[in-house]
Amino acid sequence: MTAADERSPLLPESKQKTKSAASKLWSRIWSTPNRVVFAGFLITLSFSVTQVPLFYMFHIMECDVFYSNHPPFQGVGDRCSRNEIAAGTATQFSILGMSTTFCGTLNLFVSGWMVKRYGPRLALMLQTTIPAVRVLLQILGVQAGGEAGIMIIQTTQLVTILGGPAGYILVVNTIAGEVVEPLQRTALFGRLQGMIMLGMSLGLWVGGMIGDRYGIQSPFLTAFCLFCCASVYARVALPYLSPESLTDGKKSPAKGVSGFLAPLKVLAPQRLQLHTGQIRKHYGVLMLCCGIFLGVVATGYAPILIQMYATAEFGFTQADNGYLMAGNALMRAFFLIVLFPRIIAAGRKWFARHAVRNMAKRDPETQADIPTDPGQFDAPCVGQGEEEPVIPETPDPRIEKLASQFDLLFLRWSLVVDGLLTAVTAFATQGWHVYVAAFILPFGSGSAPAAKGVITEMCPKSQRTDALNAVTLVENIARLATLGLFGFVFAALSEIGKSHLTFFCNAGVAILGMGVLLFSHFPPNESTLVEEHGNDNDNGETEA
C-alpha cells in the first residue's frame, strides 16, 4: 500500500466523483429558473384549492336562504336538490366569476405598478400575502352562512384588486423573463405555463378531496397555509431584482395615472428610426395583440365546450367531466413542460442557422463571428457562496434577434394546429372519442408562452413589464368575450340540433387569428425604437 503524503486527496476518487455528481444534480434542481417555475406551481395550487369548495359552499348557503323563507323540508333525498336552489347557486357563482374577472383586471394594473415601484420579488410576496387575508375573510363567511355568508364571500373579491390570480402570473412571468438569457426566455415561459396548469389540476382535486373528508372549512385553511408558504418561498428562494434593472436603469417619466395605465401605451404603434434617419410607425405589437385576442377567443372556450358537448350528446356525468378535464390539464402540462421547450430550442437553432447562412452569402465575414450553436455560448459561472444568481446575457444580439423570429412563426402555426384539432372534435360519435379529443387538444397549446416571448422581443427592456402586462390584459378580456360569444353560439346551434358546428366556429376564429398574425412582424434590421416622442417628423409610411 502506498503511503499517504500531504498531496494525497482527503477523499477517495470514487467518493469525490459521487460528491461532484450530487452537487451538480442539486445545482440543476435548485437552479433559478426551476425555483421560479416551482413558485408558479405553488401559488396556483394555493389559488385552486378553494375553487371547487366555493361552488359547493354557495350551494349550501343558497339552500339555507331558501328554507329560511319556505317551510322545512319533508321527505326523502337531498333537501337542497331543488331548481330554485340550483338557479340561485348558478347566479351567485356567475356574480363571483364576473367580479373576479373585473377585480383581476384592475389587479393587473396594480401588480404592474408594484413591480416597477418595489421590484418583482416584493410584488410577488404581496400577491400571495393579500390573498391569504382574503381566505381568512372567506372562512368568516363560511361560519356565518346563509345570506350574510354570501355577502361576505362576494365582498371579499374586492381584495383581489390588491392581490389576485391575474397579478401573480404577471409578476412570475416578469421574473422568469429576467433570470435567463433571451434565447431561453420563451421556453421558460412555456415551462412556467405548464407548471401553472399542473398546479391548477392538482389544486382542484385536492380541494374537493379535503372538503369532502374534513369539512367545508378545511380547504380554506389549507389555502391559507399554502399562501403563507408561498410568500415565505418567494422571499427565500427567488432572486432580488431591483426596479431599475427592469428598465436599464432608466426612470420612467410617466407618473400618476399615466404611469399606472402604461400597459395600454404598449398597444400604441411604435415609432422607429431607420438607418436612413427616417421615422416610421411600426404596428407589430398592435397586430400581435389583435392576433392573441382572436386566438384566446377561439381556444379559451374549448374546455367548457367539450364538457357541455359531452354532457348533451353522450350523457357525461360530473365525475366523467372531472376525469376529462383532469386528463386534459395533465396533457397540457406535459406538453408545455416537456415538449414545448424542446420545440422552441430546436426551432430557434434551425431558424438562426438558416438566417445566418443567408447572411453569410451576402457578407462572408459574418459567418465567422456569429455563433449558431448553444455550445458556443459561455455558460455563466455562479459560485456556491453567491446569494443571488448571475443573470446571463446574450453574447451577440444578432443571434438573439434572428432566433426570435421562430417564436412568431410557432405562434402563427400553433393557432392553425389548435383550430384543426378543435374541428376534429366535431366528428366525435362516441363517448371515448371525446376523451381522445381532450388528449390531443393540448398538442396545439403553446400560443400563450410564445406570445409572451414575441412581445418581450418586440419591446425594449424598459417596457418589458408593461408588455407582459398588456398581453395578460388582452388574454383576460378575450376570455371574458369568448364566454359570451360562444356561449350564445352553442345555445343557438343546440336549439337546431347542430351543437357540433360550434367546434368549426372555434376553428374558424383560430384561423382568422393566424391571418391577423401574418401582419405582425419584428422591427426592420438596423432600426431604433424612438421611445421619446419629441420628434414629430413622420413621412407617413408605415411598417406592418
Protein backbone atom coordinates (compact mmCIF):
# COMPACT_ATOMS: atom_id res chain seq x y z
CA MET A 1 0.00 0.00 0.00
CA THR A 2 1.35 3.41 -0.93
CA ALA A 3 1.97 5.74 2.00
CA ALA A 4 -0.11 8.92 2.05
CA ASP A 5 1.53 12.32 1.97
CA GLU A 6 0.38 15.95 2.04
CA ARG A 7 -0.56 15.74 -1.64
CA SER A 8 -2.86 12.75 -1.20
CA PRO A 9 -6.60 13.54 -1.65
CA LEU A 10 -8.63 13.53 1.56
CA LEU A 11 -11.46 11.61 -0.11
CA PRO A 12 -11.12 8.61 -2.43
CA GLU A 13 -11.58 9.41 -6.10
CA SER A 14 -14.87 7.48 -6.29
CA LYS A 15 -16.32 9.47 -3.38
CA GLN A 16 -15.14 12.72 -4.94
CA LYS A 17 -16.91 11.85 -8.19
CA THR A 18 -20.07 10.90 -6.31
CA LYS A 19 -20.00 14.14 -4.35
CA SER A 20 -19.36 16.15 -7.51
CA ALA A 21 -22.23 14.42 -9.36
CA ALA A 22 -24.58 15.01 -6.42
CA SER A 23 -23.54 18.67 -6.28
CA LYS A 24 -24.19 19.12 -10.00
CA LEU A 25 -27.58 17.41 -9.73
CA TRP A 26 -28.59 19.64 -6.83
CA SER A 27 -27.41 22.72 -8.73
CA ARG A 28 -29.63 21.75 -11.67
CA ILE A 29 -32.64 21.05 -9.44
CA TRP A 30 -32.20 24.25 -7.41
CA SER A 31 -31.39 26.46 -10.37
CA THR A 32 -33.02 29.87 -10.54
CA PRO A 33 -35.37 29.01 -13.45
CA ASN A 34 -36.59 25.90 -11.61
CA ARG A 35 -37.22 27.95 -8.48
CA VAL A 36 -39.27 30.44 -10.48
CA VAL A 37 -41.24 27.65 -12.16
CA PHE A 38 -41.99 25.99 -8.81
CA ALA A 39 -43.18 29.35 -7.45
CA GLY A 40 -45.80 29.44 -10.22
CA PHE A 41 -46.89 25.90 -9.33
CA LEU A 42 -47.14 26.59 -5.59
CA ILE A 43 -49.10 29.84 -5.94
CA THR A 44 -51.51 28.34 -8.49
CA LEU A 45 -52.06 25.38 -6.18
CA SER A 46 -52.92 27.84 -3.40
CA PHE A 47 -55.49 29.66 -5.53
CA SER A 48 -57.06 26.48 -6.95
CA VAL A 49 -57.69 24.64 -3.67
CA THR A 50 -60.79 26.73 -2.89
CA GLN A 51 -62.42 26.80 -6.35
CA VAL A 52 -64.49 23.62 -6.01
CA PRO A 53 -65.40 24.24 -2.32
CA LEU A 54 -66.59 27.76 -3.21
CA PHE A 55 -69.24 26.37 -5.57
CA TYR A 56 -70.37 23.78 -3.01
CA MET A 57 -70.44 26.45 -0.30
CA PHE A 58 -72.71 28.69 -2.39
CA HIS A 59 -74.98 25.69 -2.90
CA ILE A 60 -75.30 25.12 0.86
CA MET A 61 -75.79 28.83 1.61
CA GLU A 62 -78.47 29.21 -1.05
CA CYS A 63 -80.17 26.15 0.41
CA ASP A 64 -80.19 27.78 3.86
CA VAL A 65 -81.55 31.03 2.41
CA PHE A 66 -84.31 29.16 0.56
CA TYR A 67 -85.57 27.29 3.63
CA SER A 68 -85.41 30.43 5.74
CA ASN A 69 -88.32 31.73 3.63
CA HIS A 70 -90.06 28.40 2.95
CA PRO A 71 -91.47 25.52 5.02
CA PRO A 72 -88.91 22.98 6.32
CA PHE A 73 -88.00 20.09 4.05
CA GLN A 74 -90.03 16.92 4.49
CA GLY A 75 -89.43 13.74 2.59
CA VAL A 76 -86.50 11.66 1.40
CA GLY A 77 -83.42 12.62 -0.58
CA ASP A 78 -81.32 15.75 -0.65
CA ARG A 79 -83.24 18.73 0.73
CA CYS A 80 -81.11 21.09 -1.40
CA SER A 81 -81.95 19.35 -4.67
CA ARG A 82 -84.40 21.95 -6.00
CA ASN A 83 -84.43 24.00 -9.18
CA GLU A 84 -84.75 27.25 -7.25
CA ILE A 85 -81.63 26.49 -5.23
CA ALA A 86 -79.70 25.42 -8.33
CA ALA A 87 -80.66 28.64 -10.11
CA GLY A 88 -79.65 30.76 -7.11
CA THR A 89 -76.33 28.94 -6.86
CA ALA A 90 -75.60 29.48 -10.54
CA THR A 91 -76.46 33.18 -10.21
CA GLN A 92 -74.16 33.70 -7.22
CA PHE A 93 -71.32 31.79 -8.88
CA SER A 94 -71.73 33.87 -12.04
CA ILE A 95 -71.57 37.06 -9.97
CA LEU A 96 -68.43 35.71 -8.32
CA GLY A 97 -66.88 34.95 -11.72
CA MET A 98 -67.65 38.39 -13.12
CA SER A 99 -66.35 40.18 -10.03
CA THR A 100 -63.20 38.04 -10.11
CA THR A 101 -62.62 38.97 -13.75
CA PHE A 102 -63.24 42.67 -13.16
CA CYS A 103 -61.14 42.87 -9.99
CA GLY A 104 -58.46 40.70 -11.59
CA THR A 105 -58.19 43.14 -14.50
CA LEU A 106 -57.64 46.01 -12.07
CA ASN A 107 -55.17 43.79 -10.23
CA LEU A 108 -53.04 43.63 -13.38
CA PHE A 109 -52.51 47.39 -13.28
CA VAL A 110 -51.83 47.36 -9.53
CA SER A 111 -49.35 44.49 -9.71
CA GLY A 112 -47.56 46.05 -12.69
CA TRP A 113 -47.22 49.28 -10.72
CA MET A 114 -45.89 47.32 -7.72
CA VAL A 115 -43.26 45.62 -9.87
CA LYS A 116 -41.95 48.94 -11.20
CA ARG A 117 -42.10 50.59 -7.77
CA TYR A 118 -40.86 47.89 -5.37
CA GLY A 119 -39.39 45.18 -7.59
CA PRO A 120 -40.94 41.84 -8.65
CA ARG A 121 -39.98 39.82 -5.55
CA LEU A 122 -41.75 42.09 -3.07
CA ALA A 123 -44.65 42.44 -5.52
CA LEU A 124 -44.99 38.65 -5.64
CA MET A 125 -44.93 38.45 -1.85
CA LEU A 126 -47.79 40.95 -1.73
CA GLN A 127 -49.66 38.94 -4.40
CA THR A 128 -49.58 35.91 -2.05
CA THR A 129 -49.97 37.60 1.35
CA ILE A 130 -53.07 39.60 0.42
CA PRO A 131 -54.98 36.52 -0.92
CA ALA A 132 -54.16 34.80 2.40
CA VAL A 133 -56.08 37.60 4.14
CA ARG A 134 -58.92 37.13 1.66
CA VAL A 135 -59.11 33.41 2.51
CA LEU A 136 -59.39 34.23 6.23
CA LEU A 137 -62.30 36.57 5.45
CA GLN A 138 -63.92 33.80 3.38
CA ILE A 139 -63.67 31.49 6.40
CA LEU A 140 -65.72 34.06 8.31
CA GLY A 141 -68.28 33.89 5.52
CA VAL A 142 -68.39 30.10 5.78
CA GLN A 143 -69.00 30.34 9.51
CA ALA A 144 -71.70 32.99 9.10
CA GLY A 145 -73.58 31.00 6.45
CA GLY A 146 -76.82 31.96 4.77
CA GLU A 147 -77.34 35.37 3.20
CA ALA A 148 -74.69 37.01 5.39
CA GLY A 149 -72.12 34.41 4.33
CA ILE A 150 -72.89 35.00 0.65
CA MET A 151 -72.49 38.76 1.10
CA ILE A 152 -69.14 38.32 2.88
CA ILE A 153 -67.79 35.98 0.19
CA GLN A 154 -68.84 38.30 -2.63
CA THR A 155 -67.38 41.33 -0.87
CA THR A 156 -64.02 39.63 -0.32
CA GLN A 157 -63.46 39.70 -4.08
CA LEU A 158 -62.59 43.38 -3.75
CA VAL A 159 -59.38 42.25 -2.03
CA THR A 160 -58.43 40.67 -5.37
CA ILE A 161 -57.69 44.16 -6.70
CA LEU A 162 -54.60 44.32 -4.50
CA GLY A 163 -53.57 40.67 -4.81
CA GLY A 164 -55.10 38.04 -7.03
CA PRO A 165 -54.67 35.29 -9.62
CA ALA A 166 -54.07 37.67 -12.52
CA GLY A 167 -51.35 39.75 -10.92
CA TYR A 168 -49.16 36.92 -9.66
CA ILE A 169 -48.98 35.40 -13.15
CA LEU A 170 -47.71 38.73 -14.47
CA VAL A 171 -45.10 39.02 -11.70
CA VAL A 172 -43.85 35.44 -12.06
CA ASN A 173 -43.54 35.88 -15.83
CA THR A 174 -41.63 39.12 -15.25
CA ILE A 175 -39.13 37.32 -13.02
CA ALA A 176 -38.88 34.44 -15.50
CA GLY A 177 -38.06 36.86 -18.30
CA GLU A 178 -35.15 38.30 -16.32
CA VAL A 179 -33.37 35.23 -14.90
CA VAL A 180 -32.44 33.57 -18.21
CA GLU A 181 -30.80 34.78 -21.37
CA PRO A 182 -33.18 35.90 -24.15
CA LEU A 183 -32.65 32.72 -26.17
CA GLN A 184 -34.17 30.66 -23.31
CA ARG A 185 -36.94 33.07 -22.35
CA THR A 186 -39.79 31.64 -24.45
CA ALA A 187 -39.03 28.06 -23.38
CA LEU A 188 -39.12 29.12 -19.73
CA PHE A 189 -42.46 30.88 -20.29
CA GLY A 190 -43.78 27.55 -21.60
CA ARG A 191 -42.48 25.56 -18.64
CA LEU A 192 -43.98 28.09 -16.27
CA GLN A 193 -47.35 27.91 -18.02
CA GLY A 194 -47.21 24.11 -17.82
CA MET A 195 -46.50 24.16 -14.08
CA ILE A 196 -49.37 26.60 -13.60
CA MET A 197 -51.68 24.12 -15.37
CA LEU A 198 -50.32 21.30 -13.20
CA GLY A 199 -50.90 23.32 -10.04
CA MET A 200 -54.45 24.11 -11.14
CA SER A 201 -55.22 20.45 -11.85
CA LEU A 202 -53.81 19.29 -8.53
CA GLY A 203 -55.48 22.11 -6.61
CA LEU A 204 -58.95 21.29 -7.94
CA TRP A 205 -58.53 17.64 -6.97
CA VAL A 206 -57.02 18.35 -3.55
CA GLY A 207 -59.63 20.99 -2.67
CA GLY A 208 -62.56 18.71 -3.42
CA MET A 209 -61.00 15.76 -1.62
CA ILE A 210 -60.14 17.75 1.53
CA GLY A 211 -63.58 19.36 1.59
CA ASP A 212 -65.39 16.00 1.40
CA ARG A 213 -63.22 14.36 4.06
CA TYR A 214 -62.56 17.11 6.62
CA GLY A 215 -65.36 19.62 6.16
CA ILE A 216 -66.05 22.73 4.11
CA GLN A 217 -63.68 24.97 6.09
CA SER A 218 -60.63 22.73 5.65
CA PRO A 219 -59.85 23.76 2.01
CA PHE A 220 -59.79 27.42 3.07
CA LEU A 221 -57.46 26.71 5.99
CA THR A 222 -55.26 24.68 3.62
CA ALA A 223 -55.21 27.56 1.12
CA PHE A 224 -54.23 30.00 3.89
CA CYS A 225 -51.28 27.80 4.89
CA LEU A 226 -50.24 27.40 1.25
CA PHE A 227 -50.34 31.16 0.66
CA CYS A 228 -48.16 31.73 3.72
CA CYS A 229 -45.69 29.11 2.48
CA ALA A 230 -45.71 30.69 -0.99
CA SER A 231 -44.95 34.12 0.47
CA VAL A 232 -42.03 32.76 2.51
CA TYR A 233 -40.80 30.79 -0.51
CA ALA A 234 -40.86 33.90 -2.70
CA ARG A 235 -38.74 35.77 -0.15
CA VAL A 236 -36.21 32.96 0.41
CA ALA A 237 -35.92 31.22 -2.96
CA LEU A 238 -36.44 33.88 -5.61
CA PRO A 239 -33.72 36.36 -6.64
CA TYR A 240 -33.94 40.04 -5.89
CA LEU A 241 -34.37 42.20 -8.98
CA SER A 242 -34.30 45.94 -8.47
CA PRO A 243 -36.89 48.11 -10.24
CA GLU A 244 -34.04 49.90 -12.04
CA SER A 245 -32.76 46.60 -13.52
CA LEU A 246 -36.09 46.15 -15.31
CA THR A 247 -35.73 49.44 -17.15
CA ASP A 248 -31.98 49.51 -17.89
CA GLY A 249 -31.56 51.99 -15.05
CA LYS A 250 -33.96 54.46 -16.65
CA LYS A 251 -36.57 56.23 -14.58
CA SER A 252 -39.98 56.11 -16.18
CA PRO A 253 -41.12 59.64 -16.95
CA ALA A 254 -44.77 58.64 -16.63
CA LYS A 255 -46.15 59.09 -13.13
CA GLY A 256 -49.57 59.05 -11.51
CA VAL A 257 -52.44 57.81 -13.64
CA SER A 258 -50.28 57.91 -16.79
CA GLY A 259 -47.74 55.56 -15.24
CA PHE A 260 -50.50 53.32 -13.84
CA LEU A 261 -52.00 52.89 -17.31
CA ALA A 262 -48.62 52.41 -19.00
CA PRO A 263 -49.51 48.86 -20.22
CA LEU A 264 -52.13 50.35 -22.53
CA LYS A 265 -49.48 52.53 -24.18
CA VAL A 266 -47.64 49.40 -25.30
CA LEU A 267 -50.51 48.72 -27.71
CA ALA A 268 -49.96 52.01 -29.48
CA PRO A 269 -47.94 51.98 -32.75
CA GLN A 270 -44.20 52.19 -32.17
CA ARG A 271 -42.06 54.89 -33.75
CA LEU A 272 -38.90 53.58 -35.39
CA GLN A 273 -35.90 55.40 -36.74
CA LEU A 274 -34.46 53.58 -39.74
CA HIS A 275 -30.76 53.53 -40.59
CA THR A 276 -31.54 56.22 -43.15
CA GLY A 277 -32.78 58.52 -40.39
CA GLN A 278 -36.44 58.33 -41.42
CA ILE A 279 -39.15 57.91 -38.77
CA ARG A 280 -41.78 55.28 -39.43
CA LYS A 281 -44.62 53.75 -37.46
CA HIS A 282 -44.48 50.06 -36.64
CA TYR A 283 -47.70 48.13 -35.91
CA GLY A 284 -46.11 44.81 -34.99
CA VAL A 285 -47.14 44.86 -31.30
CA LEU A 286 -50.69 46.04 -32.07
CA MET A 287 -51.28 43.31 -34.67
CA LEU A 288 -49.67 40.77 -32.34
CA CYS A 289 -52.12 41.61 -29.56
CA CYS A 290 -55.05 41.50 -32.01
CA GLY A 291 -53.96 38.02 -33.10
CA ILE A 292 -53.55 36.94 -29.46
CA PHE A 293 -57.06 38.21 -28.70
CA LEU A 294 -58.60 36.16 -31.51
CA GLY A 295 -56.52 33.13 -30.54
CA VAL A 296 -57.76 33.21 -26.94
CA VAL A 297 -61.33 33.78 -28.11
CA ALA A 298 -61.00 30.64 -30.26
CA THR A 299 -59.24 28.38 -27.74
CA GLY A 300 -60.44 29.76 -24.39
CA TYR A 301 -63.92 28.26 -24.70
CA ALA A 302 -62.73 24.81 -25.80
CA PRO A 303 -62.59 23.18 -22.31
CA ILE A 304 -66.10 24.39 -21.43
CA LEU A 305 -67.39 23.49 -24.89
CA ILE A 306 -66.09 19.92 -24.67
CA GLN A 307 -67.80 19.43 -21.30
CA MET A 308 -71.11 20.86 -22.50
CA TYR A 309 -70.99 18.85 -25.73
CA ALA A 310 -70.09 15.62 -23.92
CA THR A 311 -72.89 16.15 -21.40
CA ALA A 312 -75.51 16.98 -24.01
CA GLU A 313 -74.60 14.38 -26.64
CA PHE A 314 -73.10 11.47 -24.66
CA GLY A 315 -74.60 11.88 -21.19
CA PHE A 316 -71.35 12.60 -19.34
CA THR A 317 -71.78 12.91 -15.57
CA GLN A 318 -69.98 15.34 -13.29
CA ALA A 319 -67.43 12.63 -12.48
CA ASP A 320 -66.88 11.92 -16.19
CA ASN A 321 -66.24 15.60 -16.87
CA GLY A 322 -63.88 15.70 -13.90
CA TYR A 323 -61.76 12.92 -15.36
CA LEU A 324 -62.00 14.53 -18.79
CA MET A 325 -60.72 17.93 -17.63
CA ALA A 326 -58.09 16.46 -15.30
CA GLY A 327 -56.64 14.44 -18.19
CA ASN A 328 -56.74 17.47 -20.48
CA ALA A 329 -54.93 19.64 -17.91
CA LEU A 330 -52.27 16.98 -17.29
CA MET A 331 -51.61 16.57 -21.02
CA ARG A 332 -51.39 20.33 -21.43
CA ALA A 333 -48.89 20.47 -18.58
CA PHE A 334 -46.87 17.63 -20.13
CA PHE A 335 -46.73 19.39 -23.49
CA LEU A 336 -45.71 22.75 -22.06
CA ILE A 337 -43.16 21.40 -19.58
CA VAL A 338 -41.54 18.66 -21.67
CA LEU A 339 -42.22 19.16 -25.38
CA PHE A 340 -42.65 22.92 -25.81
CA PRO A 341 -39.14 23.91 -24.60
CA ARG A 342 -37.55 21.33 -26.90
CA ILE A 343 -39.57 22.52 -29.90
CA ILE A 344 -38.63 26.14 -29.23
CA ALA A 345 -34.94 25.30 -28.70
CA ALA A 346 -34.74 23.19 -31.86
CA GLY A 347 -36.71 25.70 -33.93
CA ARG A 348 -34.64 28.67 -32.79
CA LYS A 349 -31.42 26.80 -33.53
CA TRP A 350 -32.61 25.83 -37.00
CA PHE A 351 -34.01 29.27 -37.75
CA ALA A 352 -30.84 31.04 -36.65
CA ARG A 353 -28.60 28.76 -38.71
CA HIS A 354 -30.76 29.25 -41.78
CA ALA A 355 -30.79 33.03 -41.35
CA VAL A 356 -27.06 33.23 -40.68
CA ARG A 357 -26.37 31.11 -43.77
CA ASN A 358 -28.29 33.64 -45.85
CA MET A 359 -26.37 36.48 -44.22
CA ALA A 360 -23.09 34.72 -44.96
CA LYS A 361 -23.96 34.54 -48.64
CA ARG A 362 -24.35 38.30 -48.71
CA ASP A 363 -21.43 39.02 -46.37
CA PRO A 364 -18.95 36.16 -45.84
CA GLU A 365 -17.35 37.93 -42.88
CA THR A 366 -20.47 37.48 -40.76
CA GLN A 367 -20.15 33.69 -40.82
CA ALA A 368 -17.07 33.69 -38.64
CA ASP A 369 -18.26 35.91 -35.80
CA ILE A 370 -21.93 34.93 -35.33
CA PRO A 371 -22.45 31.82 -33.15
CA THR A 372 -25.19 29.42 -34.26
CA ASP A 373 -24.92 26.65 -31.67
CA PRO A 374 -25.81 26.90 -27.95
CA GLY A 375 -22.49 25.21 -27.12
CA GLN A 376 -20.64 28.26 -28.44
CA PHE A 377 -22.11 30.46 -25.71
CA ASP A 378 -20.19 30.89 -22.48
CA ALA A 379 -22.02 29.31 -19.55
CA PRO A 380 -22.47 31.63 -16.57
CA CYS A 381 -20.28 30.74 -13.62
CA VAL A 382 -22.06 31.03 -10.28
CA GLY A 383 -20.05 30.42 -7.15
CA GLN A 384 -21.52 28.50 -4.24
CA GLY A 385 -21.04 31.47 -1.95
CA GLU A 386 -23.11 33.87 -4.03
CA GLU A 387 -26.56 34.70 -2.70
CA GLU A 388 -28.05 35.82 -5.99
CA PRO A 389 -27.59 34.24 -9.42
CA VAL A 390 -25.72 35.98 -12.18
CA ILE A 391 -28.18 36.85 -14.93
CA PRO A 392 -26.55 35.78 -18.20
CA GLU A 393 -26.63 37.98 -21.25
CA THR A 394 -26.62 37.05 -24.90
CA PRO A 395 -23.08 37.26 -26.30
CA ASP A 396 -24.24 38.58 -29.65
CA PRO A 397 -27.58 40.41 -30.00
CA ARG A 398 -27.76 39.49 -33.68
CA ILE A 399 -28.27 35.79 -32.93
CA GLU A 400 -30.98 36.69 -30.43
CA LYS A 401 -32.88 38.74 -32.98
CA LEU A 402 -32.63 36.07 -35.65
CA ALA A 403 -33.69 33.25 -33.34
CA SER A 404 -36.68 35.22 -32.04
CA GLN A 405 -38.25 35.04 -35.49
CA PHE A 406 -39.09 31.39 -34.84
CA ASP A 407 -41.31 32.28 -31.86
CA LEU A 408 -43.59 34.30 -34.11
CA LEU A 409 -43.64 31.51 -36.71
CA PHE A 410 -44.53 28.99 -33.99
CA LEU A 411 -47.27 31.27 -32.65
CA ARG A 412 -48.93 31.52 -36.06
CA TRP A 413 -48.91 27.80 -36.77
CA SER A 414 -49.87 26.95 -33.19
CA LEU A 415 -53.23 28.62 -33.80
CA VAL A 416 -53.66 26.66 -37.03
CA VAL A 417 -52.92 23.35 -35.32
CA ASP A 418 -55.19 24.23 -32.41
CA GLY A 419 -58.00 25.14 -34.81
CA LEU A 420 -57.67 21.90 -36.78
CA LEU A 421 -57.60 19.75 -33.65
CA THR A 422 -60.65 21.57 -32.31
CA ALA A 423 -62.51 20.98 -35.58
CA VAL A 424 -61.74 17.25 -35.40
CA THR A 425 -63.74 17.07 -32.15
CA ALA A 426 -66.92 17.80 -34.12
CA PHE A 427 -66.67 14.34 -35.72
CA ALA A 428 -66.94 12.53 -32.34
CA THR A 429 -69.73 9.93 -32.43
CA GLN A 430 -68.99 8.03 -29.21
CA GLY A 431 -68.04 8.98 -25.68
CA TRP A 432 -64.48 7.70 -25.90
CA HIS A 433 -63.92 9.93 -28.92
CA VAL A 434 -64.30 12.93 -26.61
CA TYR A 435 -61.56 11.55 -24.33
CA VAL A 436 -59.29 11.20 -27.35
CA ALA A 437 -60.07 14.78 -28.38
CA ALA A 438 -59.25 16.05 -24.88
CA PHE A 439 -56.00 14.08 -25.10
CA ILE A 440 -54.81 15.56 -28.42
CA LEU A 441 -56.06 19.16 -28.00
CA PRO A 442 -53.15 20.14 -25.68
CA PHE A 443 -50.72 19.44 -28.53
CA GLY A 444 -51.96 22.69 -30.08
CA SER A 445 -51.01 24.61 -26.94
CA GLY A 446 -48.08 26.94 -26.66
CA SER A 447 -49.57 30.10 -28.13
CA ALA A 448 -49.68 31.91 -24.76
CA PRO A 449 -46.00 31.48 -23.81
CA ALA A 450 -44.92 32.03 -27.42
CA ALA A 451 -46.85 35.32 -27.47
CA LYS A 452 -45.08 36.44 -24.30
CA GLY A 453 -41.74 35.56 -25.84
CA VAL A 454 -42.50 37.52 -29.02
CA ILE A 455 -43.75 40.69 -27.34
CA THR A 456 -40.78 40.84 -24.96
CA GLU A 457 -38.52 40.82 -28.02
CA MET A 458 -40.55 43.42 -29.90
CA CYS A 459 -40.46 45.88 -27.00
CA PRO A 460 -37.37 47.38 -25.35
CA LYS A 461 -36.30 46.16 -21.92
CA SER A 462 -37.66 49.31 -20.28
CA GLN A 463 -41.17 48.30 -21.45
CA ARG A 464 -40.92 44.54 -20.84
CA THR A 465 -43.06 44.53 -17.69
CA ASP A 466 -45.71 46.68 -19.36
CA ALA A 467 -45.60 44.42 -22.43
CA LEU A 468 -46.27 41.29 -20.35
CA ASN A 469 -48.99 43.20 -18.55
CA ALA A 470 -50.58 44.16 -21.88
CA VAL A 471 -50.59 40.54 -23.09
CA THR A 472 -52.18 39.31 -19.86
CA LEU A 473 -54.78 42.08 -20.07
CA VAL A 474 -55.66 41.15 -23.65
CA GLU A 475 -55.97 37.47 -22.66
CA ASN A 476 -58.31 38.33 -19.76
CA ILE A 477 -60.57 40.44 -21.96
CA ALA A 478 -60.57 37.69 -24.61
CA ARG A 479 -61.60 35.05 -22.06
CA LEU A 480 -64.48 37.22 -20.97
CA ALA A 481 -65.50 37.78 -24.58
CA THR A 482 -65.36 34.10 -25.53
CA LEU A 483 -67.73 33.15 -22.68
CA GLY A 484 -70.38 35.48 -24.04
CA LEU A 485 -69.79 34.86 -27.74
CA PHE A 486 -69.50 31.08 -27.90
CA GLY A 487 -71.98 30.58 -25.06
CA PHE A 488 -74.55 32.24 -27.32
CA VAL A 489 -73.36 30.33 -30.42
CA PHE A 490 -73.54 26.96 -28.64
CA ALA A 491 -77.02 27.70 -27.31
CA ALA A 492 -78.27 28.80 -30.75
CA LEU A 493 -76.84 25.77 -32.54
CA SER A 494 -78.10 23.39 -29.84
CA GLU A 495 -81.67 24.56 -30.46
CA ILE A 496 -81.47 23.32 -34.06
CA GLY A 497 -79.61 20.12 -33.12
CA LYS A 498 -76.27 21.23 -34.62
CA SER A 499 -74.21 21.89 -31.49
CA HIS A 500 -71.17 20.16 -33.05
CA LEU A 501 -70.85 23.05 -35.51
CA THR A 502 -69.58 25.20 -32.63
CA PHE A 503 -66.24 23.41 -32.97
CA PHE A 504 -65.98 24.59 -36.59
CA CYS A 505 -66.74 28.15 -35.46
CA ASN A 506 -63.90 27.88 -32.95
CA ALA A 507 -61.55 26.63 -35.64
CA GLY A 508 -62.57 29.46 -37.97
CA VAL A 509 -61.74 32.12 -35.37
CA ALA A 510 -58.37 30.45 -34.75
CA ILE A 511 -57.53 30.57 -38.46
CA LEU A 512 -58.63 34.21 -38.53
CA GLY A 513 -56.25 34.89 -35.65
CA MET A 514 -53.43 33.31 -37.61
CA GLY A 515 -54.27 35.55 -40.56
CA VAL A 516 -54.03 38.64 -38.36
CA LEU A 517 -50.65 37.47 -37.04
CA LEU A 518 -49.35 37.43 -40.62
CA PHE A 519 -49.40 41.24 -40.41
CA SER A 520 -47.27 41.23 -37.27
CA HIS A 521 -43.52 41.49 -37.87
CA PHE A 522 -40.42 42.38 -35.92
CA PRO A 523 -38.96 45.84 -36.48
CA PRO A 524 -36.68 46.10 -39.54
CA ASN A 525 -32.97 45.43 -39.15
CA GLU A 526 -30.79 48.36 -38.13
CA SER A 527 -33.81 50.30 -36.85
CA THR A 528 -34.01 52.02 -33.47
CA LEU A 529 -37.10 52.46 -31.34
CA VAL A 530 -37.89 56.10 -30.62
CA GLU A 531 -39.18 55.96 -27.05
CA GLU A 532 -39.46 59.73 -26.62
CA HIS A 533 -41.98 61.37 -28.93
CA GLY A 534 -40.13 64.55 -29.16
CA ASN A 535 -39.78 64.48 -32.94
CA ASP A 536 -42.96 64.57 -34.95
CA ASN A 537 -41.21 64.23 -38.27
CA ASP A 538 -43.04 61.36 -39.90
CA ASN A 539 -43.02 60.52 -43.55
CA GLY A 540 -46.40 58.82 -43.23
CA GLU A 541 -45.13 55.41 -44.29
CA THR A 542 -45.99 52.52 -42.00
CA GLU A 543 -44.37 49.18 -41.27
CA ALA A 544 -46.74 46.24 -40.77
